[in-house]
Amino acid sequence: MPGVTEQEIAQAKQMNLYQYMQLCEPDNFKPEGPGQFRHKGHSSLTFAEDGSWTYFKTKATGRTALNYLIAVEGVSIGYRAVSVLLSNL
């Protein structure tokens, strides 16, 4: 992947969606139940404290914030997605 090393990708994959939401979008999710949350802007996106998430609109699932940025937010895999995560680690 141009502009991104394998080490940077591996480091970016360490952040799960729950961690990402707490750091980057703390006002953009609400509790849905014990350890479960719903995204305010994407109402069909639910995620848990363990980082697992499901986007019911497209039936996409994942565990990492990187997967979320690609599948839900439409950020192309590459420098931008990885740099967003690395800047928040």
C-alpha atoms as a PDB file:
ATOM      1  CA  MET A   1       0.000   0.000   0.000  1.00  0.00           C
ATOM      2  CA  PRO A   2       1.619   3.271  -1.092  1.00  0.00           C
ATOM      3  CA  GLY A   3       2.838   5.531   1.696  1.00  0.00           C
ATOM      4  CA  VAL A   4       2.058   3.055   4.483  1.00  0.00           C
ATOM      5  CA  THR A   5       4.335   0.413   5.960  1.00  0.00           C
ATOM      6  CA  GLU A   6       3.232  -3.025   7.095  1.00  0.00           C
ATOM      7  CA  GLN A   7       4.201  -2.004  10.639  1.00  0.00           C
ATOM      8  CA  GLU A   8       1.908   1.048  10.472  1.00  0.00           C
ATOM      9  CA  ILE A   9      -0.965  -1.105   9.223  1.00  0.00           C
ATOM     10  CA  ALA A  10      -0.416  -3.615  12.027  1.00  0.00           C
ATOM     11  CA  GLN A  11      -0.323  -0.802  14.573  1.00  0.00           C
ATOM     12  CA  ALA A  12      -3.535   0.741  13.189  1.00  0.00           C
ATOM     13  CA  LYS A  13      -5.303  -2.635  13.436  1.00  0.00           C
ATOM     14  CA  GLN A  14      -4.696  -2.668  17.200  1.00  0.00           C
ATOM     15  CA  MET A  15      -7.396  -0.059  17.827  1.00  0.00           C
ATOM     16  CA  ASN A  16     -10.904  -1.461  18.057  1.00  0.00           C
ATOM     17  CA  LEU A  17     -14.058   0.497  17.278  1.00  0.00           C
ATOM     18  CA  TYR A  18     -14.988   1.123  20.909  1.00  0.00           C
ATOM     19  CA  GLN A  19     -11.570   2.689  21.572  1.00  0.00           C
ATOM     20  CA  TYR A  20     -11.827   4.749  18.392  1.00  0.00           C
ATOM     21  CA  MET A  21     -15.272   6.060  19.308  1.00  0.00           C
ATOM     22  CA  GLN A  22     -14.140   7.057  22.789  1.00  0.00           C
ATOM     23  CA  LEU A  23     -11.176   8.980  21.371  1.00  0.00           C
ATOM     24  CA  CYS A  24     -12.505  10.422  18.122  1.00  0.00           C
ATOM     25  CA  GLU A  25     -16.298  10.547  18.350  1.00  0.00           C
ATOM     26  CA  PRO A  26     -17.157  10.585  22.066  1.00  0.00           C
ATOM     27  CA  ASP A  27     -20.477  12.383  21.495  1.00  0.00           C
ATOM     28  CA  ASN A  28     -21.542  10.268  18.526  1.00  0.00           C
ATOM     29  CA  PHE A  29     -22.742   7.093  20.244  1.00  0.00           C
ATOM     30  CA  LYS A  30     -25.279   6.137  22.864  1.00  0.00           C
ATOM     31  CA  PRO A  31     -25.749   3.131  25.171  1.00  0.00           C
ATOM     32  CA  GLU A  32     -27.979   0.343  23.855  1.00  0.00           C
ATOM     33  CA  GLY A  33     -27.614  -2.109  26.712  1.00  0.00           C
ATOM     34  CA  PRO A  34     -24.899  -3.546  28.938  1.00  0.00           C
ATOM     35  CA  GLY A  35     -21.631  -3.031  27.057  1.00  0.00           C
ATOM     36  CA  GLN A  36     -23.505  -2.269  23.800  1.00  0.00           C
ATOM     37  CA  PHE A  37     -23.702   1.019  21.896  1.00  0.00           C
ATOM     38  CA  ARG A  38     -25.367   2.523  18.826  1.00  0.00           C
ATOM     39  CA  HIS A  39     -23.828   5.167  16.569  1.00  0.00           C
ATOM     40  CA  LYS A  40     -25.946   8.334  16.415  1.00  0.00           C
ATOM     41  CA  GLY A  41     -25.119   9.129  12.782  1.00  0.00           C
ATOM     42  CA  HIS A  42     -25.355   5.563  11.483  1.00  0.00           C
ATOM     43  CA  SER A  43     -28.315   4.180  13.403  1.00  0.00           C
ATOM     44  CA  SER A  44     -27.801   0.712  11.930  1.00  0.00           C
ATOM     45  CA  LEU A  45     -24.284   0.534  13.400  1.00  0.00           C
ATOM     46  CA  THR A  46     -23.964  -1.171  16.777  1.00  0.00           C
ATOM     47  CA  PHE A  47     -20.764  -2.005  18.627  1.00  0.00           C
ATOM     48  CA  ALA A  48     -19.616  -3.458  21.913  1.00  0.00           C
ATOM     49  CA  GLU A  49     -16.950  -2.696  24.487  1.00  0.00           C
ATOM     50  CA  ASP A  50     -14.907  -5.594  23.103  1.00  0.00           C
ATOM     51  CA  GLY A  51     -14.732  -3.697  19.794  1.00  0.00           C
ATOM     52  CA  SER A  52     -16.937  -5.994  17.741  1.00  0.00           C
ATOM     53  CA  TRP A  53     -19.368  -4.139  15.496  1.00  0.00           C
ATOM     54  CA  THR A  54     -22.151  -4.760  12.996  1.00  0.00           C
ATOM     55  CA  TYR A  55     -23.435  -2.369  10.357  1.00  0.00           C
ATOM     56  CA  PHE A  56     -26.854  -3.816   9.621  1.00  0.00           C
ATOM     57  CA  LYS A  57     -27.450  -1.646   6.554  1.00  0.00           C
ATOM     58  CA  THR A  58     -24.778  -3.514   4.575  1.00  0.00           C
ATOM     59  CA  LYS A  59     -24.409  -6.558   6.854  1.00  0.00           C
ATOM     60  CA  ALA A  60     -20.756  -5.656   7.397  1.00  0.00           C
ATOM     61  CA  THR A  61     -19.089  -6.795  10.610  1.00  0.00           C
ATOM     62  CA  GLY A  62     -15.666  -6.348  12.105  1.00  0.00           C
ATOM     63  CA  ARG A  63     -13.521  -5.904  15.175  1.00  0.00           C
ATOM     64  CA  THR A  64     -11.105  -3.132  14.289  1.00  0.00           C
ATOM     65  CA  ALA A  65     -11.561   0.581  13.804  1.00  0.00           C
ATOM     66  CA  LEU A  66      -9.700   0.239  10.510  1.00  0.00           C
ATOM     67  CA  ASN A  67     -12.376  -2.161   9.218  1.00  0.00           C
ATOM     68  CA  TYR A  68     -15.048   0.312  10.340  1.00  0.00           C
ATOM     69  CA  LEU A  69     -13.422   3.278   8.573  1.00  0.00           C
ATOM     70  CA  ILE A  70     -13.248   1.296   5.346  1.00  0.00           C
ATOM     71  CA  ALA A  71     -16.629  -0.494   5.439  1.00  0.00           C
ATOM     72  CA  VAL A  72     -18.858   2.172   6.978  1.00  0.00           C
ATOM     73  CA  GLU A  73     -17.209   5.544   6.504  1.00  0.00           C
ATOM     74  CA  GLY A  74     -15.931   4.711   3.008  1.00  0.00           C
ATOM     75  CA  VAL A  75     -12.343   5.695   3.731  1.00  0.00           C
ATOM     76  CA  SER A  76     -10.165   3.970   1.182  1.00  0.00           C
ATOM     77  CA  ILE A  77      -7.579   1.634   2.598  1.00  0.00           C
ATOM     78  CA  GLY A  78      -4.277   3.380   2.528  1.00  0.00           C
ATOM     79  CA  TYR A  79      -2.495   6.284   4.013  1.00  0.00           C
ATOM     80  CA  ARG A  80      -5.552   8.249   5.126  1.00  0.00           C
ATOM     81  CA  ALA A  81      -7.243   5.433   7.048  1.00  0.00           C
ATOM     82  CA  VAL A  82      -4.047   4.310   8.734  1.00  0.00           C
ATOM     83  CA  SER A  83      -2.943   7.861   9.560  1.00  0.00           C
ATOM     84  CA  VAL A  84      -6.320   8.634  11.200  1.00  0.00           C
ATOM     85  CA  LEU A  85      -5.818   5.726  13.569  1.00  0.00           C
ATOM     86  CA  LEU A  86      -2.113   6.231  14.208  1.00  0.00           C
ATOM     87  CA  SER A  87      -2.677   9.862  15.134  1.00  0.00           C
ATOM     88  CA  ASN A  88      -5.033   8.685  17.893  1.00  0.00           C
ATOM     89  CA  LEU A  89      -2.917   5.908  19.410  1.00  0.00           C
END
